[in-house]
Amino acid sequence: MNLHTLAAQTPGLPCRLDPAPFFSDQARDRDAAVRACQTCPLRDACAAFAIAERVPHGVWGGTTAADRRSFADGRPWRFDEQGRLRQACGTTSAYHAHFTYREQPCAACTRAFEAQLLAERRARLEAEHAKGGTPTGYSLHRRIGERACELCLSAMRRQSAAARRARAGRRLQRPRSGSGTTGTSGVLRGAPAGVQPLPIAS
């Protein structure tokens, strides 16, 4: 059953009782129309029709034309508890949208985000393996939560050994304190050498 038939068979629809606010150019009227849609039994069907048909004007199912433009690409949508048109959960994009609304991501969005993050790390790790194994690959293994392969482990060991040799070389080049200096610290300050101080008369 299409939306027009449903609307004709449903009495008391706010958009039929007073359609003017639903097609007004005034923001105050549009806000009132959106609020009126929240308790309408056809809200979801009306919004689905307007989004699918890309209706360029009016408030349909509690959505404005600006709201609907965000979903013109066919991405899944939903209404949240506050009646706001949102991305359907279960994607990385929806994961980030949770933070936009200052809320913790749901379990479905968190799983989607973690799955994409893991896939990205796997792809980067494959590139490091193509280089013959690298310290970066070693770190990626650790971040994925798995034991490093022998190639990356060997690369990490070589890097650590090189760092130790560099530190040892810097220690050898560092001058020792007090070595190679002409000793003047033992000379007493005051009268020049060989000069006897005059006695002070009492």
C-alpha atoms as a PDB file:
ATOM      1  CA  MET A   1       0.000   0.000   0.000  1.00  0.00           C
ATOM      2  CA  ASN A   2       1.478   3.351  -1.033  1.00  0.00           C
ATOM      3  CA  LEU A   3       1.757   6.453   1.098  1.00  0.00           C
ATOM      4  CA  HIS A   4      -1.104   8.308  -0.591  1.00  0.00           C
ATOM      5  CA  THR A   5      -3.499   5.446   0.077  1.00  0.00           C
ATOM      6  CA  LEU A   6      -2.336   5.187   3.696  1.00  0.00           C
ATOM      7  CA  ALA A   7      -2.792   8.924   4.191  1.00  0.00           C
ATOM      8  CA  ALA A   8      -6.282   8.831   2.710  1.00  0.00           C
ATOM      9  CA  GLN A   9      -7.261   6.017   5.071  1.00  0.00           C
ATOM     10  CA  THR A  10      -5.750   7.559   8.220  1.00  0.00           C
ATOM     11  CA  PRO A  11      -7.891  10.246   9.845  1.00  0.00           C
ATOM     12  CA  GLY A  12      -6.541  13.208  11.814  1.00  0.00           C
ATOM     13  CA  LEU A  13      -3.174  13.555  10.103  1.00  0.00           C
ATOM     14  CA  PRO A  14      -1.699  16.935  11.083  1.00  0.00           C
ATOM     15  CA  CYS A  15      -0.478  17.649   7.548  1.00  0.00           C
ATOM     16  CA  ARG A  16      -4.045  17.272   6.256  1.00  0.00           C
ATOM     17  CA  LEU A  17      -5.670  19.271   9.027  1.00  0.00           C
ATOM     18  CA  ASP A  18      -3.349  22.243   8.448  1.00  0.00           C
ATOM     19  CA  PRO A  19      -0.886  21.736   5.560  1.00  0.00           C
ATOM     20  CA  ALA A  20       0.436  25.334   5.487  1.00  0.00           C
ATOM     21  CA  PRO A  21       3.237  24.916   8.111  1.00  0.00           C
ATOM     22  CA  PHE A  22       4.524  21.833   6.273  1.00  0.00           C
ATOM     23  CA  PHE A  23       5.328  23.877   3.163  1.00  0.00           C
ATOM     24  CA  SER A  24       6.174  27.209   4.763  1.00  0.00           C
ATOM     25  CA  ASP A  25       9.390  29.141   4.124  1.00  0.00           C
ATOM     26  CA  GLN A  26       9.498  30.196   7.780  1.00  0.00           C
ATOM     27  CA  ALA A  27      11.813  28.244  10.105  1.00  0.00           C
ATOM     28  CA  ARG A  28       9.330  28.562  12.973  1.00  0.00           C
ATOM     29  CA  ASP A  29       6.605  26.932  10.891  1.00  0.00           C
ATOM     30  CA  ARG A  30       8.921  24.130   9.775  1.00  0.00           C
ATOM     31  CA  ASP A  31       9.916  23.407  13.376  1.00  0.00           C
ATOM     32  CA  ALA A  32       6.247  23.206  14.358  1.00  0.00           C
ATOM     33  CA  ALA A  33       5.585  20.815  11.464  1.00  0.00           C
ATOM     34  CA  VAL A  34       8.498  18.590  12.482  1.00  0.00           C
ATOM     35  CA  ARG A  35       7.141  18.416  16.033  1.00  0.00           C
ATOM     36  CA  ALA A  36       3.656  17.593  14.744  1.00  0.00           C
ATOM     37  CA  CYS A  37       5.081  14.627  12.809  1.00  0.00           C
ATOM     38  CA  GLN A  38       6.589  12.964  15.872  1.00  0.00           C
ATOM     39  CA  THR A  39       3.309  11.352  16.953  1.00  0.00           C
ATOM     40  CA  CYS A  40       2.023  10.629  13.461  1.00  0.00           C
ATOM     41  CA  PRO A  41       1.480   6.891  12.763  1.00  0.00           C
ATOM     42  CA  LEU A  42       2.731   7.386   9.205  1.00  0.00           C
ATOM     43  CA  ARG A  43       5.924   9.202  10.118  1.00  0.00           C
ATOM     44  CA  ASP A  44       8.365   6.477   9.015  1.00  0.00           C
ATOM     45  CA  ALA A  45       6.474   5.665   5.811  1.00  0.00           C
ATOM     46  CA  CYS A  46       6.198   9.349   4.945  1.00  0.00           C
ATOM     47  CA  ALA A  47       9.912   9.970   5.566  1.00  0.00           C
ATOM     48  CA  ALA A  48      10.866   6.873   3.555  1.00  0.00           C
ATOM     49  CA  PHE A  49       8.800   8.101   0.609  1.00  0.00           C
ATOM     50  CA  ALA A  50      10.299  11.608   0.671  1.00  0.00           C
ATOM     51  CA  ILE A  51      13.871  10.316   0.978  1.00  0.00           C
ATOM     52  CA  ALA A  52      13.467   7.717  -1.765  1.00  0.00           C
ATOM     53  CA  GLU A  53      11.765  10.162  -4.129  1.00  0.00           C
ATOM     54  CA  ARG A  54      14.145  13.001  -3.191  1.00  0.00           C
ATOM     55  CA  VAL A  55      11.270  15.371  -2.563  1.00  0.00           C
ATOM     56  CA  PRO A  56      12.938  18.798  -2.674  1.00  0.00           C
ATOM     57  CA  HIS A  57      10.492  20.766  -0.544  1.00  0.00           C
ATOM     58  CA  GLY A  58       8.293  20.527   2.518  1.00  0.00           C
ATOM     59  CA  VAL A  59       8.346  18.651   5.813  1.00  0.00           C
ATOM     60  CA  TRP A  60       7.648  14.957   5.301  1.00  0.00           C
ATOM     61  CA  GLY A  61       7.665  12.458   8.139  1.00  0.00           C
ATOM     62  CA  GLY A  62       9.384  14.915  10.449  1.00  0.00           C
ATOM     63  CA  THR A  63      12.226  15.554   7.973  1.00  0.00           C
ATOM     64  CA  THR A  64      13.098  18.777   6.209  1.00  0.00           C
ATOM     65  CA  ALA A  65      14.508  19.031   2.695  1.00  0.00           C
ATOM     66  CA  ALA A  66      17.952  19.708   4.213  1.00  0.00           C
ATOM     67  CA  ASP A  67      17.682  16.559   6.359  1.00  0.00           C
ATOM     68  CA  ARG A  68      16.791  14.429   3.370  1.00  0.00           C
ATOM     69  CA  ARG A  69      19.624  15.707   1.175  1.00  0.00           C
ATOM     70  CA  SER A  70      22.111  13.955   3.484  1.00  0.00           C
ATOM     71  CA  PHE A  71      20.548  10.620   2.516  1.00  0.00           C
ATOM     72  CA  ALA A  72      20.157  11.217  -1.215  1.00  0.00           C
ATOM     73  CA  ASP A  73      22.977   8.722  -1.816  1.00  0.00           C
ATOM     74  CA  GLY A  74      20.816   5.884  -0.504  1.00  0.00           C
ATOM     75  CA  ARG A  75      22.574   5.324   2.810  1.00  0.00           C
ATOM     76  CA  PRO A  76      20.446   3.632   5.490  1.00  0.00           C
ATOM     77  CA  TRP A  77      18.747   5.913   8.004  1.00  0.00           C
ATOM     78  CA  ARG A  78      16.783   5.812  11.231  1.00  0.00           C
ATOM     79  CA  PHE A  79      15.017   8.060  13.729  1.00  0.00           C
ATOM     80  CA  ASP A  80      16.679   8.284  17.132  1.00  0.00           C
ATOM     81  CA  GLU A  81      14.853   8.597  20.441  1.00  0.00           C
ATOM     82  CA  GLN A  82      14.611  12.368  20.002  1.00  0.00           C
ATOM     83  CA  GLY A  83      13.017  11.955  16.575  1.00  0.00           C
ATOM     84  CA  ARG A  84      16.115  13.106  14.678  1.00  0.00           C
ATOM     85  CA  LEU A  85      16.921  11.655  11.282  1.00  0.00           C
ATOM     86  CA  ARG A  86      20.210   9.784  11.692  1.00  0.00           C
ATOM     87  CA  GLN A  87      22.401   7.286   9.904  1.00  0.00           C
ATOM     88  CA  ALA A  88      21.518   3.688  10.605  1.00  0.00           C
ATOM     89  CA  CYS A  89      23.928   2.137  13.078  1.00  0.00           C
ATOM     90  CA  GLY A  90      26.499  -0.449  12.086  1.00  0.00           C
ATOM     91  CA  THR A  91      28.932   1.617  10.010  1.00  0.00           C
ATOM     92  CA  THR A  92      32.127   3.543  10.658  1.00  0.00           C
ATOM     93  CA  SER A  93      30.434   6.743   9.535  1.00  0.00           C
ATOM     94  CA  ALA A  94      27.647   6.202  12.066  1.00  0.00           C
ATOM     95  CA  TYR A  95      30.314   5.493  14.715  1.00  0.00           C
ATOM     96  CA  HIS A  96      31.758   8.985  14.245  1.00  0.00           C
ATOM     97  CA  ALA A  97      28.261  10.492  14.133  1.00  0.00           C
ATOM     98  CA  HIS A  98      27.683   9.304  17.707  1.00  0.00           C
ATOM     99  CA  PHE A  99      30.421  11.697  18.866  1.00  0.00           C
ATOM    100  CA  THR A 100      28.802  14.537  16.909  1.00  0.00           C
ATOM    101  CA  TYR A 101      25.721  14.015  19.069  1.00  0.00           C
ATOM    102  CA  ARG A 102      27.885  13.748  22.213  1.00  0.00           C
ATOM    103  CA  GLU A 103      27.012  10.150  22.948  1.00  0.00           C
ATOM    104  CA  GLN A 104      28.912   6.908  23.299  1.00  0.00           C
ATOM    105  CA  PRO A 105      28.955   4.732  20.143  1.00  0.00           C
ATOM    106  CA  CYS A 106      26.628   1.759  20.244  1.00  0.00           C
ATOM    107  CA  ALA A 107      27.904  -1.821  20.080  1.00  0.00           C
ATOM    108  CA  ALA A 108      27.066  -2.231  16.371  1.00  0.00           C
ATOM    109  CA  CYS A 109      28.939   0.925  15.379  1.00  0.00           C
ATOM    110  CA  THR A 110      31.901   0.023  17.603  1.00  0.00           C
ATOM    111  CA  ARG A 111      32.178  -3.386  15.926  1.00  0.00           C
ATOM    112  CA  ALA A 112      32.073  -1.764  12.501  1.00  0.00           C
ATOM    113  CA  PHE A 113      34.761   0.760  13.464  1.00  0.00           C
ATOM    114  CA  GLU A 114      37.034  -1.910  14.949  1.00  0.00           C
ATOM    115  CA  ALA A 115      36.582  -4.142  11.886  1.00  0.00           C
ATOM    116  CA  GLN A 116      37.607  -1.309   9.562  1.00  0.00           C
ATOM    117  CA  LEU A 117      40.558  -0.399  11.777  1.00  0.00           C
ATOM    118  CA  LEU A 118      41.725  -4.008  11.760  1.00  0.00           C
ATOM    119  CA  ALA A 119      41.390  -4.175   7.967  1.00  0.00           C
ATOM    120  CA  GLU A 120      43.448  -1.002   7.575  1.00  0.00           C
ATOM    121  CA  ARG A 121      46.176  -2.341   9.858  1.00  0.00           C
ATOM    122  CA  ARG A 122      46.218  -5.649   7.967  1.00  0.00           C
ATOM    123  CA  ALA A 123      46.671  -3.782   4.700  1.00  0.00           C
ATOM    124  CA  ARG A 124      49.537  -1.726   6.151  1.00  0.00           C
ATOM    125  CA  LEU A 125      51.117  -4.876   7.568  1.00  0.00           C
ATOM    126  CA  GLU A 126      50.975  -6.524   4.159  1.00  0.00           C
ATOM    127  CA  ALA A 127      52.872  -3.555   2.719  1.00  0.00           C
ATOM    128  CA  GLU A 128      55.539  -3.889   5.439  1.00  0.00           C
ATOM    129  CA  HIS A 129      55.876  -7.607   4.694  1.00  0.00           C
ATOM    130  CA  ALA A 130      56.417  -6.748   1.034  1.00  0.00           C
ATOM    131  CA  LYS A 131      59.484  -4.796   2.163  1.00  0.00           C
ATOM    132  CA  GLY A 132      60.861  -7.929   3.801  1.00  0.00           C
ATOM    133  CA  GLY A 133      59.618  -7.199   7.313  1.00  0.00           C
ATOM    134  CA  THR A 134      60.166  -3.959   9.226  1.00  0.00           C
ATOM    135  CA  PRO A 135      60.037  -2.540  12.755  1.00  0.00           C
ATOM    136  CA  THR A 136      56.802  -0.817  11.715  1.00  0.00           C
ATOM    137  CA  GLY A 137      55.439  -4.238  10.819  1.00  0.00           C
ATOM    138  CA  TYR A 138      56.467  -5.473  14.265  1.00  0.00           C
ATOM    139  CA  SER A 139      54.493  -2.631  15.871  1.00  0.00           C
ATOM    140  CA  LEU A 140      51.482  -3.396  13.687  1.00  0.00           C
ATOM    141  CA  HIS A 141      51.559  -7.038  14.766  1.00  0.00           C
ATOM    142  CA  ARG A 142      51.501  -5.878  18.391  1.00  0.00           C
ATOM    143  CA  ARG A 143      48.653  -3.411  17.793  1.00  0.00           C
ATOM    144  CA  ILE A 144      46.626  -6.112  16.083  1.00  0.00           C
ATOM    145  CA  GLY A 145      47.225  -8.265  19.133  1.00  0.00           C
ATOM    146  CA  GLU A 146      49.198 -11.101  17.602  1.00  0.00           C
ATOM    147  CA  ARG A 147      52.713 -12.508  17.754  1.00  0.00           C
ATOM    148  CA  ALA A 148      55.087 -10.833  15.309  1.00  0.00           C
ATOM    149  CA  CYS A 149      56.234 -12.861  12.323  1.00  0.00           C
ATOM    150  CA  GLU A 150      59.898 -13.841  12.055  1.00  0.00           C
ATOM    151  CA  LEU A 151      60.601 -11.228   9.354  1.00  0.00           C
ATOM    152  CA  CYS A 152      59.330  -8.318  11.415  1.00  0.00           C
ATOM    153  CA  LEU A 153      60.814  -9.707  14.615  1.00  0.00           C
ATOM    154  CA  SER A 154      64.266  -9.931  12.991  1.00  0.00           C
ATOM    155  CA  ALA A 155      63.940  -6.372  11.680  1.00  0.00           C
ATOM    156  CA  MET A 156      63.054  -5.147  15.158  1.00  0.00           C
ATOM    157  CA  ARG A 157      66.035  -6.964  16.655  1.00  0.00           C
ATOM    158  CA  ARG A 158      68.373  -5.374  14.093  1.00  0.00           C
ATOM    159  CA  GLN A 159      67.004  -1.935  14.866  1.00  0.00           C
ATOM    160  CA  SER A 160      67.402  -2.486  18.615  1.00  0.00           C
ATOM    161  CA  ALA A 161      70.981  -3.719  18.173  1.00  0.00           C
ATOM    162  CA  ALA A 162      71.838  -0.689  16.025  1.00  0.00           C
ATOM    163  CA  ALA A 163      70.375   1.633  18.660  1.00  0.00           C
ATOM    164  CA  ARG A 164      72.457  -0.040  21.378  1.00  0.00           C
ATOM    165  CA  ARG A 165      75.640   0.339  19.303  1.00  0.00           C
ATOM    166  CA  ALA A 166      74.861   4.008  18.702  1.00  0.00           C
ATOM    167  CA  ARG A 167      74.394   4.620  22.419  1.00  0.00           C
ATOM    168  CA  ALA A 168      77.631   2.830  23.224  1.00  0.00           C
ATOM    169  CA  GLY A 169      79.485   4.909  20.635  1.00  0.00           C
ATOM    170  CA  ARG A 170      78.185   8.137  22.125  1.00  0.00           C
ATOM    171  CA  ARG A 171      79.356   7.054  25.574  1.00  0.00           C
ATOM    172  CA  LEU A 172      82.867   6.353  24.256  1.00  0.00           C
ATOM    173  CA  GLN A 173      83.055   9.774  22.599  1.00  0.00           C
ATOM    174  CA  ARG A 174      81.953  11.625  25.705  1.00  0.00           C
ATOM    175  CA  PRO A 175      85.013  13.144  27.564  1.00  0.00           C
ATOM    176  CA  ARG A 176      85.633  11.929  31.058  1.00  0.00           C
ATOM    177  CA  SER A 177      85.281  14.525  33.776  1.00  0.00           C
ATOM    178  CA  GLY A 178      88.705  15.939  34.996  1.00  0.00           C
ATOM    179  CA  SER A 179      90.795  14.110  32.362  1.00  0.00           C
ATOM    180  CA  GLY A 180      93.272  15.966  30.120  1.00  0.00           C
ATOM    181  CA  THR A 181      93.053  19.286  31.964  1.00  0.00           C
ATOM    182  CA  THR A 182      95.959  21.267  33.337  1.00  0.00           C
ATOM    183  CA  GLY A 183      95.732  21.276  37.087  1.00  0.00           C
ATOM    184  CA  THR A 184      95.312  24.733  38.541  1.00  0.00           C
ATOM    185  CA  SER A 185      92.783  23.796  41.145  1.00  0.00           C
ATOM    186  CA  GLY A 186      95.561  23.216  43.725  1.00  0.00           C
ATOM    187  CA  VAL A 187      96.871  26.816  43.583  1.00  0.00           C
ATOM    188  CA  LEU A 188      95.681  28.943  46.466  1.00  0.00           C
ATOM    189  CA  ARG A 189      94.052  32.178  45.565  1.00  0.00           C
ATOM    190  CA  GLY A 190      95.492  35.371  46.995  1.00  0.00           C
ATOM    191  CA  ALA A 191      99.150  36.492  46.906  1.00  0.00           C
ATOM    192  CA  PRO A 192     101.303  35.573  43.903  1.00  0.00           C
ATOM    193  CA  ALA A 193     103.494  32.500  44.251  1.00  0.00           C
ATOM    194  CA  GLY A 194     106.747  33.184  46.181  1.00  0.00           C
ATOM    195  CA  VAL A 195     105.434  36.276  47.943  1.00  0.00           C
ATOM    196  CA  GLN A 196     105.216  36.081  51.719  1.00  0.00           C
ATOM    197  CA  PRO A 197     102.374  37.979  53.369  1.00  0.00           C
ATOM    198  CA  LEU A 198     103.479  40.839  55.618  1.00  0.00           C
ATOM    199  CA  PRO A 199     102.959  40.296  59.356  1.00  0.00           C
ATOM    200  CA  ILE A 200     100.211  42.385  60.890  1.00  0.00           C
ATOM    201  CA  ALA A 201     101.389  44.466  63.850  1.00  0.00           C
ATOM    202  CA  SER A 202      99.534  43.782  67.029  1.00  0.00           C
END
